[in-house]
Amino acid sequence: MGKNEKQESKDEEQIQVEDGDSCEEVNVSNELSDAMRRAEDAQKKVLELTDVCQRLQADFDNYRKRNIEQAKRIKEDSVAEVVIKFLPVLDVVDRAIAMIEDSNVLSGLSMIRKQLIAIFEENGVKEINALNQDFDPNFHNAVLCVDDPENSGKVVEVMQKGYICGDKVIRHSAVKIAK
């Protein structure tokens, strides 16, 4: 090999080395862009999964709240159903208390009444306060009207007591109103 041939061989080696460097740079660049793309894909997947997780958490919270509210309604409905059956008994006890003069019998009936009222209150049942209140058809059932301009629109007498459980009327108060 002559000097010229040696020089050309050296030039070719340099070109190959330079081409090799550029190949390595291209490979590194490709690997870097692939890694960045995978990182972006992974980041998108993380965001998607985070969103799904947050939605599931919100759905579960809503489910839990609905179940609590439903359990509360079921309890109130059950209590109301039982109380409705005991209201006539309480009405009879109230009438008996108003009519009986024997103090021993009156004392016994009063104790029974107190126990019934205590059980009602323990279960969230309350008597509707109607006397001298403005007539409200949501709570009162007008059975009689009397002329009394001074108390117009007010309940002047309670004929039958009404009861509520929570926000549900178990029995409307039967009332006499002034007009």
N, C-alpha and C. Protein backbone atom coordinates (compact mmCIF):
# COMPACT_ATOMS: atom_id res chain seq x y z
N MET A 1 0.83 -1.17 0.00
CA MET A 1 0.00 0.00 0.00
C MET A 1 0.87 1.22 0.00
N GLY A 2 0.40 2.10 -0.86
CA GLY A 2 1.13 3.33 -0.96
C GLY A 2 0.62 4.32 0.05
N LYS A 3 1.32 5.42 0.04
CA LYS A 3 0.98 6.48 0.97
C LYS A 3 -0.44 6.97 0.70
N ASN A 4 -0.80 7.10 -0.54
CA ASN A 4 -2.15 7.55 -0.91
C ASN A 4 -3.20 6.56 -0.43
N GLU A 5 -2.90 5.31 -0.63
CA GLU A 5 -3.86 4.29 -0.22
C GLU A 5 -4.02 4.28 1.28
N LYS A 6 -2.93 4.47 2.01
CA LYS A 6 -2.99 4.51 3.46
C LYS A 6 -3.83 5.70 3.91
N GLN A 7 -3.66 6.81 3.28
CA GLN A 7 -4.41 8.03 3.63
C GLN A 7 -5.89 7.80 3.38
N GLU A 8 -6.23 7.19 2.22
CA GLU A 8 -7.63 6.93 1.91
C GLU A 8 -8.22 5.96 2.91
N SER A 9 -7.47 4.97 3.32
CA SER A 9 -7.95 4.00 4.30
C SER A 9 -8.19 4.69 5.64
N LYS A 10 -7.28 5.61 6.01
CA LYS A 10 -7.44 6.37 7.24
C LYS A 10 -8.67 7.24 7.16
N ASP A 11 -8.89 7.92 6.02
CA ASP A 11 -10.06 8.77 5.82
C ASP A 11 -11.35 7.93 5.93
N GLU A 12 -11.31 6.73 5.33
CA GLU A 12 -12.49 5.87 5.39
C GLU A 12 -12.76 5.45 6.83
N GLU A 13 -11.72 5.15 7.60
CA GLU A 13 -11.89 4.78 9.00
C GLU A 13 -12.48 5.93 9.77
N GLN A 14 -11.99 7.18 9.51
CA GLN A 14 -12.52 8.36 10.19
C GLN A 14 -13.99 8.56 9.84
N ILE A 15 -14.32 8.38 8.56
CA ILE A 15 -15.71 8.53 8.13
C ILE A 15 -16.56 7.47 8.83
N GLN A 16 -16.04 6.23 8.91
CA GLN A 16 -16.78 5.18 9.58
C GLN A 16 -16.94 5.49 11.06
N VAL A 17 -15.90 5.98 11.69
CA VAL A 17 -15.96 6.33 13.10
C VAL A 17 -16.95 7.47 13.27
N GLU A 18 -16.85 8.50 12.39
CA GLU A 18 -17.79 9.61 12.48
C GLU A 18 -19.20 9.12 12.22
N ASP A 19 -19.35 8.25 11.20
CA ASP A 19 -20.67 7.69 10.93
C ASP A 19 -21.13 6.86 12.14
N GLY A 20 -20.27 6.15 12.77
CA GLY A 20 -20.59 5.36 13.96
C GLY A 20 -21.04 6.27 15.09
N ASP A 21 -20.33 7.39 15.26
CA ASP A 21 -20.72 8.35 16.29
C ASP A 21 -22.11 8.88 16.01
N SER A 22 -22.37 9.23 14.77
CA SER A 22 -23.68 9.78 14.41
C SER A 22 -24.73 8.70 14.57
N CYS A 23 -24.40 7.46 14.28
CA CYS A 23 -25.31 6.34 14.48
C CYS A 23 -25.62 6.19 15.97
N GLU A 24 -24.58 6.26 16.76
CA GLU A 24 -24.78 6.16 18.21
C GLU A 24 -25.62 7.33 18.69
N GLU A 25 -25.35 8.53 18.16
CA GLU A 25 -26.14 9.71 18.54
C GLU A 25 -27.60 9.51 18.13
N VAL A 26 -27.82 8.99 16.94
CA VAL A 26 -29.18 8.74 16.46
C VAL A 26 -29.85 7.69 17.35
N ASN A 27 -29.10 6.61 17.68
CA ASN A 27 -29.64 5.56 18.56
C ASN A 27 -29.98 6.13 19.93
N VAL A 28 -29.08 6.92 20.49
CA VAL A 28 -29.31 7.54 21.79
C VAL A 28 -30.51 8.48 21.71
N SER A 29 -30.56 9.25 20.64
CA SER A 29 -31.68 10.18 20.44
C SER A 29 -33.00 9.42 20.32
N ASN A 30 -32.98 8.32 19.54
CA ASN A 30 -34.19 7.50 19.40
C ASN A 30 -34.60 6.88 20.73
N GLU A 31 -33.62 6.36 21.46
CA GLU A 31 -33.91 5.78 22.77
C GLU A 31 -34.45 6.83 23.72
N LEU A 32 -33.89 8.03 23.67
CA LEU A 32 -34.35 9.12 24.53
C LEU A 32 -35.79 9.50 24.17
N SER A 33 -36.08 9.64 22.89
CA SER A 33 -37.44 10.00 22.50
C SER A 33 -38.42 8.88 22.84
N ASP A 34 -37.99 7.60 22.69
CA ASP A 34 -38.84 6.47 23.10
C ASP A 34 -39.09 6.50 24.61
N ALA A 35 -38.04 6.78 25.36
CA ALA A 35 -38.18 6.84 26.83
C ALA A 35 -39.11 7.99 27.23
N MET A 36 -38.97 9.13 26.56
CA MET A 36 -39.84 10.27 26.86
C MET A 36 -41.30 9.94 26.51
N ARG A 37 -41.51 9.28 25.38
CA ARG A 37 -42.85 8.89 24.97
C ARG A 37 -43.46 7.91 25.98
N ARG A 38 -42.64 6.94 26.42
CA ARG A 38 -43.12 5.99 27.43
C ARG A 38 -43.43 6.70 28.74
N ALA A 39 -42.59 7.67 29.10
CA ALA A 39 -42.84 8.44 30.33
C ALA A 39 -44.13 9.23 30.22
N GLU A 40 -44.36 9.83 29.05
CA GLU A 40 -45.61 10.58 28.83
C GLU A 40 -46.80 9.64 28.88
N ASP A 41 -46.66 8.46 28.25
CA ASP A 41 -47.74 7.47 28.29
C ASP A 41 -48.02 7.02 29.72
N ALA A 42 -46.94 6.81 30.46
CA ALA A 42 -47.09 6.39 31.86
C ALA A 42 -47.75 7.49 32.67
N GLN A 43 -47.37 8.74 32.41
CA GLN A 43 -47.97 9.88 33.11
C GLN A 43 -49.47 9.97 32.79
N LYS A 44 -49.82 9.78 31.51
CA LYS A 44 -51.24 9.79 31.13
C LYS A 44 -51.99 8.66 31.83
N LYS A 45 -51.36 7.49 31.88
CA LYS A 45 -51.99 6.34 32.54
C LYS A 45 -52.19 6.63 34.03
N VAL A 46 -51.20 7.26 34.67
CA VAL A 46 -51.31 7.63 36.08
C VAL A 46 -52.47 8.60 36.27
N LEU A 47 -52.59 9.59 35.40
CA LEU A 47 -53.69 10.56 35.49
C LEU A 47 -55.04 9.86 35.29
N GLU A 48 -55.12 8.95 34.32
CA GLU A 48 -56.37 8.21 34.09
C GLU A 48 -56.74 7.39 35.32
N LEU A 49 -55.75 6.68 35.86
CA LEU A 49 -56.03 5.84 37.03
C LEU A 49 -56.38 6.68 38.25
N THR A 50 -55.75 7.82 38.40
CA THR A 50 -56.08 8.73 39.49
C THR A 50 -57.51 9.21 39.35
N ASP A 51 -57.90 9.56 38.13
CA ASP A 51 -59.27 10.01 37.87
C ASP A 51 -60.27 8.90 38.19
N VAL A 52 -59.97 7.68 37.74
CA VAL A 52 -60.85 6.54 38.02
C VAL A 52 -60.96 6.32 39.53
N CYS A 53 -59.84 6.40 40.22
CA CYS A 53 -59.81 6.20 41.66
C CYS A 53 -60.66 7.27 42.37
N GLN A 54 -60.51 8.52 41.95
CA GLN A 54 -61.28 9.61 42.56
C GLN A 54 -62.78 9.43 42.29
N ARG A 55 -63.13 9.01 41.09
CA ARG A 55 -64.54 8.78 40.76
C ARG A 55 -65.11 7.63 41.60
N LEU A 56 -64.33 6.57 41.74
CA LEU A 56 -64.78 5.44 42.56
C LEU A 56 -64.97 5.86 44.01
N GLN A 57 -64.05 6.69 44.51
CA GLN A 57 -64.16 7.19 45.88
C GLN A 57 -65.42 8.03 46.04
N ALA A 58 -65.70 8.90 45.08
CA ALA A 58 -66.90 9.75 45.13
C ALA A 58 -68.15 8.89 45.02
N ASP A 59 -68.13 7.90 44.13
CA ASP A 59 -69.28 7.00 44.00
C ASP A 59 -69.53 6.24 45.30
N PHE A 60 -68.46 5.78 45.93
CA PHE A 60 -68.62 5.06 47.19
C PHE A 60 -69.17 5.97 48.27
N ASP A 61 -68.67 7.21 48.35
CA ASP A 61 -69.18 8.16 49.34
C ASP A 61 -70.67 8.41 49.12
N ASN A 62 -71.07 8.59 47.87
CA ASN A 62 -72.49 8.80 47.56
C ASN A 62 -73.31 7.57 47.93
N TYR A 63 -72.78 6.40 47.64
CA TYR A 63 -73.45 5.14 47.98
C TYR A 63 -73.64 5.04 49.50
N ARG A 64 -72.58 5.35 50.24
CA ARG A 64 -72.64 5.29 51.70
C ARG A 64 -73.68 6.27 52.25
N LYS A 65 -73.69 7.49 51.71
CA LYS A 65 -74.66 8.49 52.16
C LYS A 65 -76.09 8.06 51.84
N ARG A 66 -76.28 7.50 50.63
CA ARG A 66 -77.62 7.03 50.26
C ARG A 66 -78.08 5.92 51.20
N ASN A 67 -77.17 5.01 51.54
CA ASN A 67 -77.53 3.91 52.43
C ASN A 67 -77.87 4.41 53.83
N ILE A 68 -77.13 5.38 54.31
CA ILE A 68 -77.42 5.96 55.63
C ILE A 68 -78.80 6.62 55.61
N GLU A 69 -79.07 7.39 54.57
CA GLU A 69 -80.37 8.06 54.43
C GLU A 69 -81.50 7.03 54.29
N GLN A 70 -81.26 6.00 53.51
CA GLN A 70 -82.28 4.96 53.32
C GLN A 70 -82.55 4.23 54.64
N ALA A 71 -81.51 3.93 55.39
CA ALA A 71 -81.68 3.26 56.68
C ALA A 71 -82.48 4.15 57.64
N LYS A 72 -82.20 5.44 57.60
CA LYS A 72 -82.93 6.40 58.44
C LYS A 72 -84.41 6.41 58.06
N ARG A 73 -84.70 6.45 56.75
CA ARG A 73 -86.10 6.46 56.28
C ARG A 73 -86.81 5.16 56.67
N ILE A 74 -86.11 4.04 56.52
CA ILE A 74 -86.71 2.75 56.87
C ILE A 74 -87.04 2.70 58.36
N LYS A 75 -86.13 3.21 59.18
CA LYS A 75 -86.37 3.24 60.62
C LYS A 75 -87.57 4.12 60.94
N GLU A 76 -87.60 5.34 60.36
CA GLU A 76 -88.72 6.25 60.60
C GLU A 76 -90.04 5.63 60.14
N ASP A 77 -90.03 4.99 58.98
CA ASP A 77 -91.25 4.36 58.47
C ASP A 77 -91.70 3.22 59.39
N SER A 78 -90.75 2.45 59.88
CA SER A 78 -91.08 1.34 60.77
C SER A 78 -91.65 1.85 62.09
N VAL A 79 -91.00 2.87 62.64
CA VAL A 79 -91.48 3.47 63.89
C VAL A 79 -92.89 4.03 63.67
N ALA A 80 -93.08 4.75 62.56
CA ALA A 80 -94.39 5.34 62.28
C ALA A 80 -95.45 4.26 62.17
N GLU A 81 -95.12 3.15 61.53
CA GLU A 81 -96.07 2.05 61.36
C GLU A 81 -96.52 1.49 62.71
N VAL A 82 -95.58 1.33 63.63
CA VAL A 82 -95.91 0.81 64.96
C VAL A 82 -96.67 1.85 65.77
N VAL A 83 -96.23 3.10 65.71
CA VAL A 83 -96.87 4.16 66.48
C VAL A 83 -98.32 4.33 66.05
N ILE A 84 -98.57 4.26 64.75
CA ILE A 84 -99.95 4.39 64.25
C ILE A 84 -100.87 3.38 64.93
N LYS A 85 -100.36 2.20 65.21
CA LYS A 85 -101.15 1.16 65.86
C LYS A 85 -101.37 1.45 67.34
N PHE A 86 -100.46 2.20 67.97
CA PHE A 86 -100.59 2.52 69.39
C PHE A 86 -101.35 3.82 69.65
N LEU A 87 -101.51 4.66 68.65
CA LEU A 87 -102.20 5.93 68.86
C LEU A 87 -103.64 5.77 69.37
N PRO A 88 -104.42 4.84 68.85
CA PRO A 88 -105.76 4.67 69.42
C PRO A 88 -105.74 4.29 70.90
N VAL A 89 -104.74 3.51 71.30
CA VAL A 89 -104.59 3.14 72.71
C VAL A 89 -104.31 4.39 73.54
N LEU A 90 -103.41 5.25 73.05
CA LEU A 90 -103.11 6.49 73.75
C LEU A 90 -104.34 7.39 73.81
N ASP A 91 -105.11 7.44 72.74
CA ASP A 91 -106.34 8.24 72.73
C ASP A 91 -107.32 7.76 73.80
N VAL A 92 -107.47 6.45 73.92
CA VAL A 92 -108.38 5.88 74.92
C VAL A 92 -107.87 6.20 76.33
N VAL A 93 -106.58 6.09 76.53
CA VAL A 93 -106.01 6.41 77.85
C VAL A 93 -106.25 7.89 78.16
N ASP A 94 -106.06 8.78 77.19
CA ASP A 94 -106.32 10.21 77.42
C ASP A 94 -107.78 10.47 77.76
N ARG A 95 -108.70 9.82 77.05
CA ARG A 95 -110.13 9.99 77.35
C ARG A 95 -110.47 9.45 78.74
N ALA A 96 -109.87 8.33 79.09
CA ALA A 96 -110.12 7.74 80.40
C ALA A 96 -109.61 8.66 81.51
N ILE A 97 -108.44 9.24 81.30
CA ILE A 97 -107.88 10.16 82.29
C ILE A 97 -108.81 11.35 82.49
N ALA A 98 -109.41 11.83 81.41
CA ALA A 98 -110.31 12.98 81.50
C ALA A 98 -111.62 12.62 82.21
N MET A 99 -112.03 11.35 82.19
CA MET A 99 -113.32 10.96 82.74
C MET A 99 -113.25 10.35 84.15
N ILE A 100 -112.14 9.72 84.49
CA ILE A 100 -112.06 8.96 85.75
C ILE A 100 -111.78 9.91 86.91
N GLU A 101 -112.49 9.63 88.01
CA GLU A 101 -112.34 10.47 89.20
C GLU A 101 -111.55 9.76 90.30
N ASP A 102 -111.48 8.44 90.26
CA ASP A 102 -110.76 7.68 91.27
C ASP A 102 -109.27 7.97 91.13
N SER A 103 -108.67 8.49 92.19
CA SER A 103 -107.27 8.93 92.13
C SER A 103 -106.29 7.78 91.89
N ASN A 104 -106.58 6.59 92.43
CA ASN A 104 -105.68 5.45 92.23
C ASN A 104 -105.68 5.01 90.76
N VAL A 105 -106.86 4.91 90.18
CA VAL A 105 -106.98 4.52 88.78
C VAL A 105 -106.36 5.60 87.89
N LEU A 106 -106.64 6.87 88.25
CA LEU A 106 -106.09 8.00 87.49
C LEU A 106 -104.56 7.98 87.53
N SER A 107 -104.00 7.66 88.68
CA SER A 107 -102.54 7.59 88.84
C SER A 107 -101.96 6.48 87.95
N GLY A 108 -102.63 5.33 87.94
CA GLY A 108 -102.16 4.21 87.12
C GLY A 108 -102.23 4.53 85.64
N LEU A 109 -103.33 5.14 85.20
CA LEU A 109 -103.47 5.51 83.79
C LEU A 109 -102.44 6.57 83.40
N SER A 110 -102.18 7.49 84.30
CA SER A 110 -101.17 8.54 84.02
C SER A 110 -99.79 7.93 83.83
N MET A 111 -99.48 6.91 84.63
CA MET A 111 -98.18 6.23 84.49
C MET A 111 -98.10 5.51 83.14
N ILE A 112 -99.19 4.86 82.74
CA ILE A 112 -99.22 4.18 81.44
C ILE A 112 -99.01 5.19 80.33
N ARG A 113 -99.70 6.33 80.43
CA ARG A 113 -99.57 7.38 79.41
C ARG A 113 -98.12 7.88 79.33
N LYS A 114 -97.52 8.12 80.49
CA LYS A 114 -96.12 8.61 80.53
C LYS A 114 -95.18 7.60 79.87
N GLN A 115 -95.42 6.32 80.11
CA GLN A 115 -94.57 5.30 79.50
C GLN A 115 -94.74 5.27 77.98
N LEU A 116 -95.97 5.37 77.52
CA LEU A 116 -96.21 5.40 76.07
C LEU A 116 -95.53 6.62 75.44
N ILE A 117 -95.70 7.78 76.05
CA ILE A 117 -95.09 9.01 75.53
C ILE A 117 -93.57 8.89 75.55
N ALA A 118 -93.00 8.30 76.61
CA ALA A 118 -91.54 8.13 76.69
C ALA A 118 -91.03 7.23 75.57
N ILE A 119 -91.76 6.16 75.28
CA ILE A 119 -91.37 5.26 74.18
C ILE A 119 -91.44 6.00 72.85
N PHE A 120 -92.51 6.78 72.66
CA PHE A 120 -92.64 7.56 71.43
C PHE A 120 -91.44 8.51 71.28
N GLU A 121 -91.14 9.24 72.35
CA GLU A 121 -90.05 10.23 72.29
C GLU A 121 -88.69 9.57 72.04
N GLU A 122 -88.47 8.39 72.64
CA GLU A 122 -87.21 7.66 72.41
C GLU A 122 -87.03 7.32 70.93
N ASN A 123 -88.14 7.17 70.24
CA ASN A 123 -88.10 6.81 68.83
C ASN A 123 -88.34 8.01 67.91
N GLY A 124 -88.24 9.22 68.45
CA GLY A 124 -88.32 10.42 67.63
C GLY A 124 -89.72 10.88 67.29
N VAL A 125 -90.73 10.34 67.98
CA VAL A 125 -92.12 10.73 67.74
C VAL A 125 -92.49 11.84 68.72
N LYS A 126 -93.04 12.92 68.15
CA LYS A 126 -93.42 14.07 68.99
C LYS A 126 -94.86 14.46 68.69
N GLU A 127 -95.50 15.00 69.72
CA GLU A 127 -96.85 15.52 69.55
C GLU A 127 -96.78 16.84 68.80
N ILE A 128 -97.74 17.06 67.91
CA ILE A 128 -97.81 18.33 67.17
C ILE A 128 -98.47 19.35 68.09
N ASN A 129 -97.76 20.43 68.34
CA ASN A 129 -98.32 21.51 69.16
C ASN A 129 -99.25 22.33 68.27
N ALA A 130 -100.57 22.22 68.51
CA ALA A 130 -101.52 22.86 67.62
C ALA A 130 -102.30 24.00 68.27
N LEU A 131 -102.62 23.88 69.54
CA LEU A 131 -103.48 24.85 70.21
C LEU A 131 -102.89 26.26 70.14
N ASN A 132 -103.73 27.20 69.70
CA ASN A 132 -103.37 28.63 69.56
C ASN A 132 -102.31 28.89 68.48
N GLN A 133 -102.07 27.93 67.65
CA GLN A 133 -101.13 28.09 66.54
C GLN A 133 -101.91 28.47 65.28
N ASP A 134 -101.23 29.09 64.32
CA ASP A 134 -101.87 29.34 63.03
C ASP A 134 -102.18 28.00 62.38
N PHE A 135 -103.34 27.93 61.72
CA PHE A 135 -103.74 26.69 61.05
C PHE A 135 -102.74 26.40 59.92
N ASP A 136 -102.22 25.17 59.91
CA ASP A 136 -101.29 24.73 58.88
C ASP A 136 -101.77 23.38 58.35
N PRO A 137 -102.25 23.35 57.11
CA PRO A 137 -102.77 22.09 56.58
C PRO A 137 -101.73 20.97 56.48
N ASN A 138 -100.46 21.31 56.61
CA ASN A 138 -99.42 20.28 56.62
C ASN A 138 -99.43 19.48 57.92
N PHE A 139 -99.97 20.10 58.99
CA PHE A 139 -99.98 19.46 60.30
C PHE A 139 -101.38 19.31 60.90
N HIS A 140 -102.32 20.10 60.42
CA HIS A 140 -103.65 20.13 61.02
C HIS A 140 -104.71 19.72 60.01
N ASN A 141 -105.76 19.10 60.54
CA ASN A 141 -106.93 18.75 59.74
C ASN A 141 -108.11 19.47 60.38
N ALA A 142 -108.66 20.49 59.71
CA ALA A 142 -109.77 21.26 60.27
C ALA A 142 -111.05 20.45 60.17
N VAL A 143 -111.67 20.19 61.34
CA VAL A 143 -112.93 19.45 61.35
C VAL A 143 -114.10 20.36 61.68
N LEU A 144 -113.84 21.49 62.34
CA LEU A 144 -114.87 22.46 62.67
C LEU A 144 -114.33 23.87 62.53
N CYS A 145 -115.26 24.79 62.23
CA CYS A 145 -114.91 26.21 62.20
C CYS A 145 -115.87 26.96 63.12
N VAL A 146 -115.35 27.94 63.81
CA VAL A 146 -116.19 28.80 64.66
C VAL A 146 -115.91 30.25 64.31
N ASP A 147 -116.91 31.11 64.53
CA ASP A 147 -116.72 32.54 64.30
C ASP A 147 -115.99 33.13 65.49
N ASP A 148 -114.83 33.65 65.23
CA ASP A 148 -114.03 34.32 66.27
C ASP A 148 -113.03 35.22 65.57
N PRO A 149 -113.45 36.45 65.20
CA PRO A 149 -112.58 37.34 64.44
C PRO A 149 -111.26 37.66 65.16
N GLU A 150 -111.29 37.58 66.48
CA GLU A 150 -110.09 37.89 67.26
C GLU A 150 -108.98 36.86 67.05
N ASN A 151 -109.37 35.59 66.83
CA ASN A 151 -108.40 34.49 66.64
C ASN A 151 -108.46 33.92 65.24
N SER A 152 -108.85 34.70 64.28
CA SER A 152 -109.04 34.23 62.91
C SER A 152 -107.80 33.51 62.38
N GLY A 153 -108.04 32.31 61.85
CA GLY A 153 -106.96 31.52 61.27
C GLY A 153 -106.16 30.71 62.27
N LYS A 154 -106.56 30.77 63.55
CA LYS A 154 -105.83 30.05 64.59
C LYS A 154 -106.62 28.81 65.03
N VAL A 155 -105.90 27.86 65.57
CA VAL A 155 -106.51 26.66 66.13
C VAL A 155 -107.02 27.02 67.52
N VAL A 156 -108.34 26.83 67.74
CA VAL A 156 -108.92 27.18 69.04
C VAL A 156 -109.19 25.95 69.91
N GLU A 157 -109.21 24.77 69.29
CA GLU A 157 -109.40 23.54 70.07
C GLU A 157 -108.81 22.36 69.29
N VAL A 158 -108.19 21.45 70.05
CA VAL A 158 -107.64 20.23 69.45
C VAL A 158 -108.60 19.09 69.77
N MET A 159 -109.18 18.52 68.74
CA MET A 159 -110.14 17.43 68.91
C MET A 159 -109.41 16.08 69.04
N GLN A 160 -108.33 15.93 68.30
CA GLN A 160 -107.51 14.72 68.35
C GLN A 160 -106.07 15.15 68.11
N LYS A 161 -105.16 14.71 68.98
CA LYS A 161 -103.75 15.11 68.88
C LYS A 161 -103.10 14.49 67.64
N GLY A 162 -102.19 15.25 67.06
CA GLY A 162 -101.42 14.77 65.93
C GLY A 162 -99.98 14.48 66.35
N TYR A 163 -99.28 13.68 65.54
CA TYR A 163 -97.91 13.29 65.88
C TYR A 163 -97.04 13.30 64.63
N ILE A 164 -95.76 13.61 64.85
CA ILE A 164 -94.78 13.57 63.77
C ILE A 164 -93.60 12.70 64.19
N CYS A 165 -92.96 12.11 63.19
CA CYS A 165 -91.74 11.34 63.41
C CYS A 165 -90.71 11.88 62.45
N GLY A 166 -89.73 12.56 62.98
CA GLY A 166 -88.75 13.24 62.12
C GLY A 166 -89.46 14.36 61.39
N ASP A 167 -89.48 14.29 60.07
CA ASP A 167 -90.18 15.31 59.29
C ASP A 167 -91.46 14.75 58.65
N LYS A 168 -91.85 13.56 59.09
CA LYS A 168 -93.03 12.89 58.53
C LYS A 168 -94.20 12.98 59.52
N VAL A 169 -95.35 13.43 59.03
CA VAL A 169 -96.54 13.49 59.86
C VAL A 169 -97.14 12.09 59.92
N ILE A 170 -97.26 11.58 61.15
CA ILE A 170 -97.85 10.26 61.35
C ILE A 170 -99.37 10.38 61.37
N ARG A 171 -99.84 11.40 62.09
CA ARG A 171 -101.28 11.68 62.13
C ARG A 171 -101.45 13.19 62.28
N HIS A 172 -102.29 13.76 61.42
CA HIS A 172 -102.58 15.19 61.50
C HIS A 172 -103.45 15.45 62.75
N SER A 173 -103.27 16.62 63.34
CA SER A 173 -104.12 17.02 64.46
C SER A 173 -105.50 17.38 63.92
N ALA A 174 -106.54 16.80 64.51
CA ALA A 174 -107.91 17.17 64.15
C ALA A 174 -108.26 18.39 65.01
N VAL A 175 -108.54 19.52 64.37
CA VAL A 175 -108.67 20.78 65.10
C VAL A 175 -109.93 21.55 64.74
N LYS A 176 -110.29 22.46 65.66
CA LYS A 176 -111.35 23.43 65.42
C LYS A 176 -110.63 24.76 65.21
N ILE A 177 -110.97 25.46 64.12
CA ILE A 177 -110.29 26.73 63.83
C ILE A 177 -111.28 27.89 63.87
N ALA A 178 -110.74 29.06 64.13
CA ALA A 178 -111.54 30.29 64.14
C ALA A 178 -111.47 30.92 62.76
N LYS A 179 -112.61 31.51 62.36
CA LYS A 179 -112.61 32.23 61.08
C LYS A 179 -113.09 33.65 61.24
